């Protein structure tokens, strides 16, 4: 799941942001990426770096594959950990996004024109 992502993304061109949206609040998150849209529970705030990677994942793999990826890995992880939070955090796309945001070497193959 590594590498080859286009992260030279511009709001209003490559993706849109819906701020003050109910969905992240309902799910207990600050941000949610879906397709080419970022949903923010707050009215303002800087977009976390890893959300750009999620937009790039949707762009590269398509909505159907990303959803299937999450459903499969979440289900498998839930059976393993019996914890919704742990199951979600261990979905490979989530691990990749956290590594990217933290600047871990595992994410070194991900190329970005953003800093």
C-alpha atoms as a PDB file:
ATOM      1  CA  UNK A   1       0.000   0.000   0.000  1.00  0.00           C
ATOM      2  CA  UNK A   2       3.035   2.248  -0.155  1.00  0.00           C
ATOM      3  CA  UNK A   3       4.191   4.892  -2.529  1.00  0.00           C
ATOM      4  CA  UNK A   4       3.102   6.574  -5.678  1.00  0.00           C
ATOM      5  CA  UNK A   5       0.555   8.897  -4.125  1.00  0.00           C
ATOM      6  CA  UNK A   6      -0.008  12.355  -5.561  1.00  0.00           C
ATOM      7  CA  UNK A   7      -0.118  14.633  -2.545  1.00  0.00           C
ATOM      8  CA  UNK A   8       0.097  17.914  -4.417  1.00  0.00           C
ATOM      9  CA  UNK A   9      -3.564  18.475  -3.558  1.00  0.00           C
ATOM     10  CA  UNK A  10      -5.397  21.775  -3.551  1.00  0.00           C
ATOM     11  CA  UNK A  11      -8.612  22.484  -1.705  1.00  0.00           C
ATOM     12  CA  UNK A  12     -11.392  23.379  -4.115  1.00  0.00           C
ATOM     13  CA  UNK A  13      -9.607  21.687  -7.018  1.00  0.00           C
ATOM     14  CA  UNK A  14      -8.685  18.163  -5.905  1.00  0.00           C
ATOM     15  CA  UNK A  15     -10.921  17.927  -2.849  1.00  0.00           C
ATOM     16  CA  UNK A  16     -13.438  19.922  -0.874  1.00  0.00           C
ATOM     17  CA  UNK A  17     -13.876  20.497   2.840  1.00  0.00           C
ATOM     18  CA  UNK A  18     -17.206  20.543   4.642  1.00  0.00           C
ATOM     19  CA  UNK A  19     -16.669  22.227   8.000  1.00  0.00           C
ATOM     20  CA  UNK A  20     -19.008  22.062  10.953  1.00  0.00           C
ATOM     21  CA  UNK A  21     -20.375  18.783   9.619  1.00  0.00           C
ATOM     22  CA  UNK A  22     -22.347  16.391  11.818  1.00  0.00           C
ATOM     23  CA  UNK A  23     -20.665  13.157  10.636  1.00  0.00           C
ATOM     24  CA  UNK A  24     -17.294  13.463  12.402  1.00  0.00           C
ATOM     25  CA  UNK A  25     -19.067  14.577  15.580  1.00  0.00           C
ATOM     26  CA  UNK A  26     -21.385  11.558  15.403  1.00  0.00           C
ATOM     27  CA  UNK A  27     -18.443   9.183  14.955  1.00  0.00           C
ATOM     28  CA  UNK A  28     -16.287  10.850  17.616  1.00  0.00           C
ATOM     29  CA  UNK A  29     -13.665  12.085  15.144  1.00  0.00           C
ATOM     30  CA  UNK A  30     -12.357  15.515  14.234  1.00  0.00           C
ATOM     31  CA  UNK A  31     -11.956  14.732  10.516  1.00  0.00           C
ATOM     32  CA  UNK A  32     -13.251  12.088   8.112  1.00  0.00           C
ATOM     33  CA  UNK A  33     -12.123  11.631   4.514  1.00  0.00           C
ATOM     34  CA  UNK A  34     -14.514  10.086   2.025  1.00  0.00           C
ATOM     35  CA  UNK A  35     -13.829  10.180  -1.686  1.00  0.00           C
ATOM     36  CA  UNK A  36     -12.782  13.707  -2.585  1.00  0.00           C
ATOM     37  CA  UNK A  37     -14.368  15.294   0.494  1.00  0.00           C
ATOM     38  CA  UNK A  38     -13.000  15.986   3.951  1.00  0.00           C
ATOM     39  CA  UNK A  39     -15.611  16.356   6.669  1.00  0.00           C
ATOM     40  CA  UNK A  40     -14.606  18.434   9.674  1.00  0.00           C
ATOM     41  CA  UNK A  41     -16.604  18.474  12.886  1.00  0.00           C
ATOM     42  CA  UNK A  42     -15.361  21.969  13.705  1.00  0.00           C
ATOM     43  CA  UNK A  43     -15.888  25.212  11.829  1.00  0.00           C
ATOM     44  CA  UNK A  44     -12.180  25.993  11.597  1.00  0.00           C
ATOM     45  CA  UNK A  45      -8.827  24.318  12.018  1.00  0.00           C
ATOM     46  CA  UNK A  46      -5.917  23.197   9.907  1.00  0.00           C
ATOM     47  CA  UNK A  47      -6.282  19.986   7.941  1.00  0.00           C
ATOM     48  CA  UNK A  48      -4.140  17.256   9.533  1.00  0.00           C
ATOM     49  CA  UNK A  49      -1.362  16.063   7.239  1.00  0.00           C
ATOM     50  CA  UNK A  50      -2.567  12.460   7.232  1.00  0.00           C
ATOM     51  CA  UNK A  51      -5.971  13.475   5.809  1.00  0.00           C
ATOM     52  CA  UNK A  52      -4.188  14.386   2.564  1.00  0.00           C
ATOM     53  CA  UNK A  53      -2.948  10.820   2.410  1.00  0.00           C
ATOM     54  CA  UNK A  54      -6.506   9.523   2.833  1.00  0.00           C
ATOM     55  CA  UNK A  55      -7.665  11.710  -0.085  1.00  0.00           C
ATOM     56  CA  UNK A  56      -4.756  10.316  -2.126  1.00  0.00           C
ATOM     57  CA  UNK A  57      -5.720   6.747  -1.141  1.00  0.00           C
ATOM     58  CA  UNK A  58      -9.266   7.326  -2.408  1.00  0.00           C
ATOM     59  CA  UNK A  59      -7.890   8.867  -5.590  1.00  0.00           C
ATOM     60  CA  UNK A  60      -5.489   6.005  -6.274  1.00  0.00           C
ATOM     61  CA  UNK A  61      -7.665   3.031  -5.297  1.00  0.00           C
ATOM     62  CA  UNK A  62     -11.210   4.328  -5.776  1.00  0.00           C
ATOM     63  CA  UNK A  63     -14.059   4.511  -3.310  1.00  0.00           C
ATOM     64  CA  UNK A  64     -15.122   0.858  -3.639  1.00  0.00           C
ATOM     65  CA  UNK A  65     -11.643  -0.565  -2.989  1.00  0.00           C
ATOM     66  CA  UNK A  66     -11.007   1.755  -0.054  1.00  0.00           C
ATOM     67  CA  UNK A  67     -14.334   0.837   1.549  1.00  0.00           C
ATOM     68  CA  UNK A  68     -13.692  -2.883   1.002  1.00  0.00           C
ATOM     69  CA  UNK A  69     -10.214  -2.460   2.455  1.00  0.00           C
ATOM     70  CA  UNK A  70     -11.620  -0.840   5.605  1.00  0.00           C
ATOM     71  CA  UNK A  71     -14.478  -3.332   5.980  1.00  0.00           C
ATOM     72  CA  UNK A  72     -12.235  -6.381   5.514  1.00  0.00           C
ATOM     73  CA  UNK A  73      -9.415  -5.229   7.778  1.00  0.00           C
ATOM     74  CA  UNK A  74     -11.704  -3.743  10.405  1.00  0.00           C
ATOM     75  CA  UNK A  75     -13.684  -6.997  10.587  1.00  0.00           C
ATOM     76  CA  UNK A  76     -10.566  -9.118  10.818  1.00  0.00           C
ATOM     77  CA  UNK A  77      -9.027  -6.798  13.405  1.00  0.00           C
ATOM     78  CA  UNK A  78     -12.200  -6.711  15.467  1.00  0.00           C
ATOM     79  CA  UNK A  79     -12.227 -10.496  15.633  1.00  0.00           C
ATOM     80  CA  UNK A  80      -8.615 -10.364  16.774  1.00  0.00           C
ATOM     81  CA  UNK A  81      -8.772  -7.467  19.285  1.00  0.00           C
ATOM     82  CA  UNK A  82     -12.465  -7.238  20.284  1.00  0.00           C
ATOM     83  CA  UNK A  83     -12.075  -3.469  20.389  1.00  0.00           C
ATOM     84  CA  UNK A  84     -13.586  -1.047  17.862  1.00  0.00           C
ATOM     85  CA  UNK A  85     -10.867   1.550  18.469  1.00  0.00           C
ATOM     86  CA  UNK A  86      -7.971  -0.893  18.166  1.00  0.00           C
ATOM     87  CA  UNK A  87      -9.556  -2.580  15.137  1.00  0.00           C
ATOM     88  CA  UNK A  88      -9.874   0.756  13.339  1.00  0.00           C
ATOM     89  CA  UNK A  89      -6.396   1.980  14.289  1.00  0.00           C
ATOM     90  CA  UNK A  90      -4.884  -1.231  12.879  1.00  0.00           C
ATOM     91  CA  UNK A  91      -6.484  -0.931   9.421  1.00  0.00           C
ATOM     92  CA  UNK A  92      -3.442  -0.710   7.089  1.00  0.00           C
ATOM     93  CA  UNK A  93      -4.606   2.565   5.482  1.00  0.00           C
ATOM     94  CA  UNK A  94      -4.841   4.111   8.963  1.00  0.00           C
ATOM     95  CA  UNK A  95      -1.404   2.813   9.940  1.00  0.00           C
ATOM     96  CA  UNK A  96       0.009   4.203   6.691  1.00  0.00           C
ATOM     97  CA  UNK A  97      -1.612   7.604   7.303  1.00  0.00           C
ATOM     98  CA  UNK A  98      -0.277   7.820  10.868  1.00  0.00           C
ATOM     99  CA  UNK A  99       3.208   6.827   9.681  1.00  0.00           C
ATOM    100  CA  UNK A 100       3.018   9.490   6.991  1.00  0.00           C
ATOM    101  CA  UNK A 101       1.955  12.180   9.444  1.00  0.00           C
ATOM    102  CA  UNK A 102       4.645  11.220  11.932  1.00  0.00           C
ATOM    103  CA  UNK A 103       7.299  11.160   9.201  1.00  0.00           C
ATOM    104  CA  UNK A 104       8.237   7.563   9.938  1.00  0.00           C
ATOM    105  CA  UNK A 105      10.711   5.843   7.616  1.00  0.00           C
ATOM    106  CA  UNK A 106       7.986   3.338   6.665  1.00  0.00           C
ATOM    107  CA  UNK A 107       6.264   6.183   4.847  1.00  0.00           C
ATOM    108  CA  UNK A 108       9.412   7.267   3.008  1.00  0.00           C
ATOM    109  CA  UNK A 109       8.142   5.993  -0.342  1.00  0.00           C
ATOM    110  CA  UNK A 110       5.182   8.358  -0.187  1.00  0.00           C
ATOM    111  CA  UNK A 111       6.024  11.447  -2.189  1.00  0.00           C
ATOM    112  CA  UNK A 112       4.542  14.801  -1.417  1.00  0.00           C
ATOM    113  CA  UNK A 113       4.980  18.286  -2.776  1.00  0.00           C
ATOM    114  CA  UNK A 114       3.510  19.652   0.461  1.00  0.00           C
ATOM    115  CA  UNK A 115       5.456  20.336   3.648  1.00  0.00           C
END
